[in-house]
C-alpha atoms as a PDB file:
ATOM      1  CA  UNK A   1       4.468  -7.915 -19.795  1.00  0.00           C
ATOM      2  CA  UNK A   2       6.454  -5.070 -19.855  1.00  0.00           C
ATOM      3  CA  UNK A   3       9.940  -4.877 -18.306  1.00  0.00           C
ATOM      4  CA  UNK A   4       9.962  -1.724 -16.315  1.00  0.00           C
ATOM      5  CA  UNK A   5      12.268   0.585 -17.245  1.00  0.00           C
ATOM      6  CA  UNK A   6      12.357   2.496 -13.751  1.00  0.00           C
ATOM      7  CA  UNK A   7      15.926   3.584 -12.160  1.00  0.00           C
ATOM      8  CA  UNK A   8      16.359   4.709  -8.905  1.00  0.00           C
ATOM      9  CA  UNK A   9      15.583   7.862  -8.110  1.00  0.00           C
ATOM     10  CA  UNK A  10      15.746  10.365  -5.084  1.00  0.00           C
ATOM     11  CA  UNK A  11      14.152  12.510  -3.141  1.00  0.00           C
ATOM     12  CA  UNK A  12      15.759  15.949  -4.352  1.00  0.00           C
ATOM     13  CA  UNK A  13      14.082  14.633  -7.536  1.00  0.00           C
ATOM     14  CA  UNK A  14      10.471  14.784  -6.393  1.00  0.00           C
ATOM     15  CA  UNK A  15       8.275  17.656  -5.936  1.00  0.00           C
ATOM     16  CA  UNK A  16       6.162  17.680  -2.709  1.00  0.00           C
ATOM     17  CA  UNK A  17       2.634  17.544  -2.598  1.00  0.00           C
ATOM     18  CA  UNK A  18       0.641  20.578  -3.546  1.00  0.00           C
ATOM     19  CA  UNK A  19      -0.562  22.271  -1.631  1.00  0.00           C
ATOM     20  CA  UNK A  20      -4.440  21.181  -0.951  1.00  0.00           C
ATOM     21  CA  UNK A  21      -3.975  17.986  -2.205  1.00  0.00           C
ATOM     22  CA  UNK A  22      -6.172  15.983   1.212  1.00  0.00           C
ATOM     23  CA  UNK A  23      -8.788  18.981   1.185  1.00  0.00           C
ATOM     24  CA  UNK A  24     -12.377  18.363  -0.045  1.00  0.00           C
ATOM     25  CA  UNK A  25     -12.868  20.363  -3.178  1.00  0.00           C
ATOM     26  CA  UNK A  26     -16.658  20.402  -3.393  1.00  0.00           C
ATOM     27  CA  UNK A  27     -16.837  21.098  -7.120  1.00  0.00           C
ATOM     28  CA  UNK A  28     -15.342  17.741  -8.488  1.00  0.00           C
ATOM     29  CA  UNK A  29     -17.271  14.321  -8.381  1.00  0.00           C
ATOM     30  CA  UNK A  30     -16.875  12.002  -5.372  1.00  0.00           C
ATOM     31  CA  UNK A  31     -15.953   8.341  -5.018  1.00  0.00           C
ATOM     32  CA  UNK A  32     -17.449   6.346  -2.090  1.00  0.00           C
ATOM     33  CA  UNK A  33     -16.085   4.847   1.108  1.00  0.00           C
ATOM     34  CA  UNK A  34     -17.904   1.545   1.918  1.00  0.00           C
ATOM     35  CA  UNK A  35     -17.179  -1.700   4.680  1.00  0.00           C
ATOM     36  CA  UNK A  36     -17.258  -4.868   3.606  1.00  0.00           C
ATOM     37  CA  UNK A  37     -17.458  -8.125   5.002  1.00  0.00           C
ATOM     38  CA  UNK A  38     -15.334 -11.282   3.813  1.00  0.00           C
ATOM     39  CA  UNK A  39     -15.154 -15.155   4.917  1.00  0.00           C
ATOM     40  CA  UNK A  40     -11.842 -15.495   6.238  1.00  0.00           C
ATOM     41  CA  UNK A  41     -10.830 -19.234   5.748  1.00  0.00           C
ATOM     42  CA  UNK A  42      -7.123 -18.446   7.252  1.00  0.00           C
ATOM     43  CA  UNK A  43      -8.781 -17.040  10.356  1.00  0.00           C
ATOM     44  CA  UNK A  44     -11.794 -18.779  10.008  1.00  0.00           C
ATOM     45  CA  UNK A  45     -14.514 -15.870  10.519  1.00  0.00           C
ATOM     46  CA  UNK A  46     -16.139 -13.079   8.591  1.00  0.00           C
ATOM     47  CA  UNK A  47     -13.590 -10.080   8.461  1.00  0.00           C
ATOM     48  CA  UNK A  48     -14.199  -6.134   7.642  1.00  0.00           C
ATOM     49  CA  UNK A  49     -12.215  -4.383   5.297  1.00  0.00           C
ATOM     50  CA  UNK A  50     -13.394  -0.844   3.997  1.00  0.00           C
ATOM     51  CA  UNK A  51     -13.299   0.098   0.159  1.00  0.00           C
ATOM     52  CA  UNK A  52     -12.772   2.846  -1.682  1.00  0.00           C
ATOM     53  CA  UNK A  53     -14.606   3.049  -5.324  1.00  0.00           C
ATOM     54  CA  UNK A  54     -13.558   5.957  -7.668  1.00  0.00           C
ATOM     55  CA  UNK A  55     -16.269   8.937  -9.130  1.00  0.00           C
ATOM     56  CA  UNK A  56     -18.313   7.533 -11.597  1.00  0.00           C
ATOM     57  CA  UNK A  57     -17.709   3.406 -11.012  1.00  0.00           C
ATOM     58  CA  UNK A  58     -19.560   1.205 -12.646  1.00  0.00           C
ATOM     59  CA  UNK A  59     -19.816  -2.366 -13.408  1.00  0.00           C
ATOM     60  CA  UNK A  60     -19.545  -2.546 -16.569  1.00  0.00           C
ATOM     61  CA  UNK A  61     -15.689  -1.297 -16.240  1.00  0.00           C
ATOM     62  CA  UNK A  62     -12.403  -2.993 -14.966  1.00  0.00           C
ATOM     63  CA  UNK A  63     -10.683  -1.929 -12.479  1.00  0.00           C
ATOM     64  CA  UNK A  64      -6.838  -2.292 -11.216  1.00  0.00           C
ATOM     65  CA  UNK A  65      -6.751  -2.602  -7.462  1.00  0.00           C
ATOM     66  CA  UNK A  66      -4.768  -1.421  -5.000  1.00  0.00           C
ATOM     67  CA  UNK A  67      -4.172  -2.730  -1.090  1.00  0.00           C
ATOM     68  CA  UNK A  68      -3.196   0.004   1.682  1.00  0.00           C
ATOM     69  CA  UNK A  69      -2.361  -1.555   4.979  1.00  0.00           C
ATOM     70  CA  UNK A  70      -2.373   0.411   8.082  1.00  0.00           C
ATOM     71  CA  UNK A  71      -0.210   0.653  10.959  1.00  0.00           C
ATOM     72  CA  UNK A  72       0.690  -1.025  14.270  1.00  0.00           C
ATOM     73  CA  UNK A  73      -2.123   1.131  16.224  1.00  0.00           C
ATOM     74  CA  UNK A  74      -4.962   1.041  13.412  1.00  0.00           C
ATOM     75  CA  UNK A  75      -7.081  -1.184  11.425  1.00  0.00           C
ATOM     76  CA  UNK A  76      -9.713  -0.874   8.351  1.00  0.00           C
ATOM     77  CA  UNK A  77     -10.324   2.307   9.440  1.00  0.00           C
ATOM     78  CA  UNK A  78      -7.141   4.240  10.245  1.00  0.00           C
ATOM     79  CA  UNK A  79      -6.895   5.449   6.812  1.00  0.00           C
ATOM     80  CA  UNK A  80      -9.949   6.784   6.542  1.00  0.00           C
ATOM     81  CA  UNK A  81      -9.664   8.750   9.669  1.00  0.00           C
ATOM     82  CA  UNK A  82      -6.677   9.734   9.671  1.00  0.00           C
ATOM     83  CA  UNK A  83      -5.178  10.176   6.118  1.00  0.00           C
ATOM     84  CA  UNK A  84      -7.863  11.171   4.325  1.00  0.00           C
ATOM     85  CA  UNK A  85      -7.491   8.980   1.381  1.00  0.00           C
ATOM     86  CA  UNK A  86     -10.683   9.786  -0.794  1.00  0.00           C
ATOM     87  CA  UNK A  87      -9.456  13.719  -0.647  1.00  0.00           C
ATOM     88  CA  UNK A  88      -6.609  12.641  -2.013  1.00  0.00           C
ATOM     89  CA  UNK A  89      -7.792  10.119  -4.613  1.00  0.00           C
ATOM     90  CA  UNK A  90     -10.498  12.130  -5.802  1.00  0.00           C
ATOM     91  CA  UNK A  91      -8.755  15.018  -5.863  1.00  0.00           C
ATOM     92  CA  UNK A  92      -6.278  13.042  -8.372  1.00  0.00           C
ATOM     93  CA  UNK A  93      -9.032  11.734  -9.953  1.00  0.00           C
ATOM     94  CA  UNK A  94     -10.439  15.178 -11.131  1.00  0.00           C
ATOM     95  CA  UNK A  95      -6.677  15.999 -12.563  1.00  0.00           C
ATOM     96  CA  UNK A  96      -6.611  12.937 -14.907  1.00  0.00           C
ATOM     97  CA  UNK A  97      -3.120  11.620 -12.952  1.00  0.00           C
ATOM     98  CA  UNK A  98      -5.114   8.945 -11.196  1.00  0.00           C
ATOM     99  CA  UNK A  99      -5.460   5.591 -13.023  1.00  0.00           C
ATOM    100  CA  UNK A 100      -8.929   3.864 -12.857  1.00  0.00           C
ATOM    101  CA  UNK A 101      -8.400   1.388  -9.848  1.00  0.00           C
ATOM    102  CA  UNK A 102      -9.852   0.052  -6.390  1.00  0.00           C
ATOM    103  CA  UNK A 103      -8.373   0.676  -2.894  1.00  0.00           C
ATOM    104  CA  UNK A 104      -9.047  -1.681  -0.162  1.00  0.00           C
ATOM    105  CA  UNK A 105      -8.008  -0.915   3.433  1.00  0.00           C
ATOM    106  CA  UNK A 106      -8.143  -4.069   5.047  1.00  0.00           C
ATOM    107  CA  UNK A 107      -7.725  -5.105   9.001  1.00  0.00           C
ATOM    108  CA  UNK A 108      -4.053  -6.352   8.333  1.00  0.00           C
ATOM    109  CA  UNK A 109      -4.333  -8.235  12.389  1.00  0.00           C
ATOM    110  CA  UNK A 110      -5.178 -11.534  11.130  1.00  0.00           C
ATOM    111  CA  UNK A 111      -6.881 -12.987  14.600  1.00  0.00           C
ATOM    112  CA  UNK A 112     -10.232 -13.375  15.755  1.00  0.00           C
ATOM    113  CA  UNK A 113     -10.280 -10.774  18.051  1.00  0.00           C
ATOM    114  CA  UNK A 114      -8.861  -7.945  15.222  1.00  0.00           C
ATOM    115  CA  UNK A 115      -9.133  -5.015  17.243  1.00  0.00           C
ATOM    116  CA  UNK A 116      -6.373  -2.679  18.008  1.00  0.00           C
ATOM    117  CA  UNK A 117      -6.876  -3.295  22.202  1.00  0.00           C
ATOM    118  CA  UNK A 118      -5.130  -3.416  24.962  1.00  0.00           C
ATOM    119  CA  UNK A 119      -1.106  -4.092  23.991  1.00  0.00           C
ATOM    120  CA  UNK A 120      -0.639  -3.689  20.597  1.00  0.00           C
ATOM    121  CA  UNK A 121       2.926  -5.147  20.372  1.00  0.00           C
ATOM    122  CA  UNK A 122       1.856  -8.712  22.231  1.00  0.00           C
ATOM    123  CA  UNK A 123       3.452 -11.389  20.485  1.00  0.00           C
ATOM    124  CA  UNK A 124       0.298 -13.114  19.402  1.00  0.00           C
ATOM    125  CA  UNK A 125      -1.000  -9.786  17.717  1.00  0.00           C
ATOM    126  CA  UNK A 126       2.307  -9.367  15.747  1.00  0.00           C
ATOM    127  CA  UNK A 127       2.211 -12.564  14.677  1.00  0.00           C
ATOM    128  CA  UNK A 128      -1.738 -11.857  13.769  1.00  0.00           C
ATOM    129  CA  UNK A 129       0.708  -9.264  11.035  1.00  0.00           C
ATOM    130  CA  UNK A 130       2.705 -12.381   9.790  1.00  0.00           C
ATOM    131  CA  UNK A 131      -0.557 -14.105   9.427  1.00  0.00           C
ATOM    132  CA  UNK A 132      -2.103 -11.530   7.295  1.00  0.00           C
ATOM    133  CA  UNK A 133      -0.295 -13.150   3.811  1.00  0.00           C
ATOM    134  CA  UNK A 134      -2.340 -16.051   4.030  1.00  0.00           C
ATOM    135  CA  UNK A 135      -5.630 -14.039   5.267  1.00  0.00           C
ATOM    136  CA  UNK A 136      -5.186 -11.570   1.664  1.00  0.00           C
ATOM    137  CA  UNK A 137      -4.172 -13.777  -0.758  1.00  0.00           C
ATOM    138  CA  UNK A 138      -5.981 -16.811   0.083  1.00  0.00           C
ATOM    139  CA  UNK A 139      -9.910 -15.278   1.145  1.00  0.00           C
ATOM    140  CA  UNK A 140      -9.493 -10.737   1.263  1.00  0.00           C
ATOM    141  CA  UNK A 141      -8.050 -10.662  -3.427  1.00  0.00           C
ATOM    142  CA  UNK A 142     -10.513 -14.110  -4.027  1.00  0.00           C
ATOM    143  CA  UNK A 143     -13.199 -11.662  -2.471  1.00  0.00           C
ATOM    144  CA  UNK A 144     -12.572  -8.795  -4.446  1.00  0.00           C
ATOM    145  CA  UNK A 145     -12.072 -10.438  -7.563  1.00  0.00           C
ATOM    146  CA  UNK A 146     -15.674 -12.314  -7.036  1.00  0.00           C
ATOM    147  CA  UNK A 147     -17.372  -9.058  -5.423  1.00  0.00           C
ATOM    148  CA  UNK A 148     -16.070  -6.019  -7.873  1.00  0.00           C
ATOM    149  CA  UNK A 149     -15.554  -5.546 -11.593  1.00  0.00           C
ATOM    150  CA  UNK A 150     -10.989  -5.240 -11.213  1.00  0.00           C
ATOM    151  CA  UNK A 151      -8.357  -7.085 -13.394  1.00  0.00           C
ATOM    152  CA  UNK A 152      -6.811  -9.886 -11.952  1.00  0.00           C
ATOM    153  CA  UNK A 153      -3.774 -10.301 -13.017  1.00  0.00           C
ATOM    154  CA  UNK A 154      -0.577  -9.171 -11.183  1.00  0.00           C
ATOM    155  CA  UNK A 155       0.437  -5.761 -13.314  1.00  0.00           C
ATOM    156  CA  UNK A 156      -2.970  -4.443 -12.138  1.00  0.00           C
ATOM    157  CA  UNK A 157      -2.399  -5.469  -8.203  1.00  0.00           C
ATOM    158  CA  UNK A 158      -0.830  -2.972  -5.816  1.00  0.00           C
ATOM    159  CA  UNK A 159       0.490  -3.360  -2.146  1.00  0.00           C
ATOM    160  CA  UNK A 160       1.190  -1.117  -0.090  1.00  0.00           C
ATOM    161  CA  UNK A 161       1.172   0.277   3.341  1.00  0.00           C
ATOM    162  CA  UNK A 162       2.601   2.821   6.608  1.00  0.00           C
ATOM    163  CA  UNK A 163       4.919   1.730   8.971  1.00  0.00           C
ATOM    164  CA  UNK A 164       3.835  -2.101  10.358  1.00  0.00           C
ATOM    165  CA  UNK A 165       1.958  -2.035   6.461  1.00  0.00           C
ATOM    166  CA  UNK A 166       4.210  -1.153   4.847  1.00  0.00           C
ATOM    167  CA  UNK A 167       6.952  -3.604   6.552  1.00  0.00           C
ATOM    168  CA  UNK A 168       3.697  -6.322   5.644  1.00  0.00           C
ATOM    169  CA  UNK A 169       4.339  -4.186   1.447  1.00  0.00           C
ATOM    170  CA  UNK A 170       7.832  -5.041   1.940  1.00  0.00           C
ATOM    171  CA  UNK A 171       7.758  -8.906   2.909  1.00  0.00           C
ATOM    172  CA  UNK A 172       4.239  -9.791   1.135  1.00  0.00           C
ATOM    173  CA  UNK A 173       4.769  -7.958  -1.882  1.00  0.00           C
ATOM    174  CA  UNK A 174       8.431  -8.834  -2.636  1.00  0.00           C
ATOM    175  CA  UNK A 175       7.989 -12.831  -2.113  1.00  0.00           C
ATOM    176  CA  UNK A 176       4.804 -12.636  -4.289  1.00  0.00           C
ATOM    177  CA  UNK A 177       5.838 -11.142  -7.199  1.00  0.00           C
ATOM    178  CA  UNK A 178       3.184 -13.641  -9.170  1.00  0.00           C
ATOM    179  CA  UNK A 179       0.609 -11.371  -7.455  1.00  0.00           C
ATOM    180  CA  UNK A 180       1.975  -7.982  -7.056  1.00  0.00           C
ATOM    181  CA  UNK A 181       4.013  -6.188  -9.274  1.00  0.00           C
ATOM    182  CA  UNK A 182       3.375  -2.217  -8.171  1.00  0.00           C
ATOM    183  CA  UNK A 183       5.182  -2.025  -3.952  1.00  0.00           C
ATOM    184  CA  UNK A 184       4.896   0.699  -1.476  1.00  0.00           C
ATOM    185  CA  UNK A 185       5.936   1.631   1.750  1.00  0.00           C
ATOM    186  CA  UNK A 186       5.900   4.176   3.716  1.00  0.00           C
ATOM    187  CA  UNK A 187       7.826   4.524   7.415  1.00  0.00           C
ATOM    188  CA  UNK A 188       8.244   1.123   7.292  1.00  0.00           C
ATOM    189  CA  UNK A 189       8.428  -0.363  10.609  1.00  0.00           C
ATOM    190  CA  UNK A 190      11.171  -3.267  11.599  1.00  0.00           C
ATOM    191  CA  UNK A 191       9.179  -5.867  11.353  1.00  0.00           C
ATOM    192  CA  UNK A 192      10.194  -5.180   7.486  1.00  0.00           C
ATOM    193  CA  UNK A 193      12.398  -8.501   6.757  1.00  0.00           C
ATOM    194  CA  UNK A 194      16.082  -7.070   5.418  1.00  0.00           C
ATOM    195  CA  UNK A 195      16.691  -7.483   2.020  1.00  0.00           C
ATOM    196  CA  UNK A 196      18.801 -10.100   1.541  1.00  0.00           C
ATOM    197  CA  UNK A 197      15.837 -12.171   2.706  1.00  0.00           C
ATOM    198  CA  UNK A 198      13.069 -10.135   0.381  1.00  0.00           C
ATOM    199  CA  UNK A 199      15.839  -9.849  -2.313  1.00  0.00           C
ATOM    200  CA  UNK A 200      17.527 -13.152  -3.270  1.00  0.00           C
ATOM    201  CA  UNK A 201      17.312 -12.758  -6.540  1.00  0.00           C
ATOM    202  CA  UNK A 202      17.855  -9.184  -7.947  1.00  0.00           C
ATOM    203  CA  UNK A 203      17.774  -9.542 -11.197  1.00  0.00           C
ATOM    204  CA  UNK A 204      14.110 -11.290 -11.040  1.00  0.00           C
ATOM    205  CA  UNK A 205      12.623  -8.634  -8.661  1.00  0.00           C
ATOM    206  CA  UNK A 206      13.786  -6.137 -11.027  1.00  0.00           C
ATOM    207  CA  UNK A 207      12.279  -7.763 -14.028  1.00  0.00           C
ATOM    208  CA  UNK A 208       9.270  -8.236 -12.200  1.00  0.00           C
ATOM    209  CA  UNK A 209       8.365  -4.781 -10.572  1.00  0.00           C
ATOM    210  CA  UNK A 210       6.532  -2.143 -12.132  1.00  0.00           C
ATOM    211  CA  UNK A 211       7.161  -0.142  -9.290  1.00  0.00           C
ATOM    212  CA  UNK A 212       9.168  -0.386  -5.570  1.00  0.00           C
ATOM    213  CA  UNK A 213       8.452   2.666  -3.599  1.00  0.00           C
ATOM    214  CA  UNK A 214       9.612   4.166  -0.336  1.00  0.00           C
ATOM    215  CA  UNK A 215       9.558   6.976   1.594  1.00  0.00           C
ATOM    216  CA  UNK A 216       9.850   8.167   5.064  1.00  0.00           C
ATOM    217  CA  UNK A 217       9.970  11.674   6.850  1.00  0.00           C
ATOM    218  CA  UNK A 218      13.147  12.954   8.198  1.00  0.00           C
ATOM    219  CA  UNK A 219      12.107  13.101  11.439  1.00  0.00           C
ATOM    220  CA  UNK A 220      11.068   9.522  12.067  1.00  0.00           C
ATOM    221  CA  UNK A 221      12.985   7.525  14.591  1.00  0.00           C
ATOM    222  CA  UNK A 222      12.688   4.493  12.145  1.00  0.00           C
ATOM    223  CA  UNK A 223      13.996   6.334   9.146  1.00  0.00           C
ATOM    224  CA  UNK A 224      17.430   3.891   9.516  1.00  0.00           C
ATOM    225  CA  UNK A 225      14.789   1.028   8.428  1.00  0.00           C
ATOM    226  CA  UNK A 226      13.938   2.844   5.047  1.00  0.00           C
ATOM    227  CA  UNK A 227      17.206   3.814   4.368  1.00  0.00           C
ATOM    228  CA  UNK A 228      18.969   0.759   5.221  1.00  0.00           C
ATOM    229  CA  UNK A 229      16.293  -0.888   2.691  1.00  0.00           C
ATOM    230  CA  UNK A 230      17.080   1.705   0.291  1.00  0.00           C
ATOM    231  CA  UNK A 231      20.844   1.583   0.470  1.00  0.00           C
ATOM    232  CA  UNK A 232      20.372  -2.570   0.040  1.00  0.00           C
ATOM    233  CA  UNK A 233      18.168  -2.315  -2.859  1.00  0.00           C
ATOM    234  CA  UNK A 234      21.255   0.136  -4.342  1.00  0.00           C
ATOM    235  CA  UNK A 235      23.840  -2.563  -3.778  1.00  0.00           C
ATOM    236  CA  UNK A 236      21.490  -5.083  -5.411  1.00  0.00           C
ATOM    237  CA  UNK A 237      20.836  -2.554  -8.703  1.00  0.00           C
ATOM    238  CA  UNK A 238      17.321  -3.067  -7.888  1.00  0.00           C
ATOM    239  CA  UNK A 239      15.469  -0.284  -9.313  1.00  0.00           C
ATOM    240  CA  UNK A 240      13.273   1.951  -6.702  1.00  0.00           C
ATOM    241  CA  UNK A 241      12.224   5.471  -6.200  1.00  0.00           C
ATOM    242  CA  UNK A 242      13.353   6.739  -2.605  1.00  0.00           C
ATOM    243  CA  UNK A 243      11.453   9.555  -1.209  1.00  0.00           C
ATOM    244  CA  UNK A 244      12.570  11.709   1.924  1.00  0.00           C
ATOM    245  CA  UNK A 245       9.497  13.646   2.781  1.00  0.00           C
ATOM    246  CA  UNK A 246       9.452  16.343   5.927  1.00  0.00           C
ATOM    247  CA  UNK A 247       8.064  15.265   8.978  1.00  0.00           C
ATOM    248  CA  UNK A 248       8.065  11.845  11.769  1.00  0.00           C
ATOM    249  CA  UNK A 249       6.259   8.930  12.630  1.00  0.00           C
ATOM    250  CA  UNK A 250       2.612  10.747  11.549  1.00  0.00           C
ATOM    251  CA  UNK A 251       0.176  11.055   9.158  1.00  0.00           C
ATOM    252  CA  UNK A 252       1.011  13.748   7.475  1.00  0.00           C
ATOM    253  CA  UNK A 253       4.228  11.791   5.806  1.00  0.00           C
ATOM    254  CA  UNK A 254       1.856   8.664   5.331  1.00  0.00           C
ATOM    255  CA  UNK A 255      -0.689  10.712   3.109  1.00  0.00           C
ATOM    256  CA  UNK A 256       1.885  12.456   0.944  1.00  0.00           C
ATOM    257  CA  UNK A 257       3.445   8.862   0.903  1.00  0.00           C
ATOM    258  CA  UNK A 258      -0.309   8.034  -0.186  1.00  0.00           C
ATOM    259  CA  UNK A 259      -0.426  11.036  -2.784  1.00  0.00           C
ATOM    260  CA  UNK A 260       2.875  10.605  -4.711  1.00  0.00           C
ATOM    261  CA  UNK A 261       2.433   6.876  -5.045  1.00  0.00           C
ATOM    262  CA  UNK A 262      -1.097   6.736  -5.916  1.00  0.00           C
ATOM    263  CA  UNK A 263       0.146   8.566  -9.012  1.00  0.00           C
ATOM    264  CA  UNK A 264       2.759   6.466  -9.885  1.00  0.00           C
ATOM    265  CA  UNK A 265       1.139   3.362 -10.001  1.00  0.00           C
ATOM    266  CA  UNK A 266      -0.865   1.267 -13.108  1.00  0.00           C
ATOM    267  CA  UNK A 267       0.339   4.102 -15.738  1.00  0.00           C
ATOM    268  CA  UNK A 268       2.739   1.358 -17.987  1.00  0.00           C
ATOM    269  CA  UNK A 269       0.928  -1.686 -18.241  1.00  0.00           C
END
């Protein structure tokens, strides 16, 4: 793998997402969102995930794969219902900015009743977010790679998410560098493990990552989580991009995070 030459950069070096980046454009080709079902040996049931396939999708081609995770109160529908991901991705394709990719939106709550109902902070449900690591690695990824024409190596897999899903992306991605080399966290939640745990070997992390992206809104009450992680990464000399966006813990910040992250992934392999 070609070592990334990415150096740490800060938000004032990144342009804000342009007006209309998440608005549907009716004169361009459109991708498709579909619900799939896969067998989870981890949970012992069939589970759902949403899948985006790009405009002019063809089984004769091979695609990169981005796994995109939701927040603590969401499920496999949250991105599609609140953040306009198809519009964002379609528009990037139309501008020849996006590398060819399939995007998978799983339910990151790996338990038999994985609906976001009742007390979402119940300890059993919090544990289910941790259990999702096994479901992702052992069940969902193999299913996607058996049923879609995707490239199946680490340089062609990305993992990103919002809030709880952002924490999951850092927790799972940084400890599975043989599986993912593109990692993004948008408004990471307090489930994020400390850098001392996730980045025990800074040189190894720096060598294996193509991109580590952190972003958060400047009015987010969880901003300290991302800022602390960013500062520790600087201390450990781990290349990454840090983007301080405008807004709180809200969908517009996560849509912006997807725009910026998707624009950069799968570009140098």
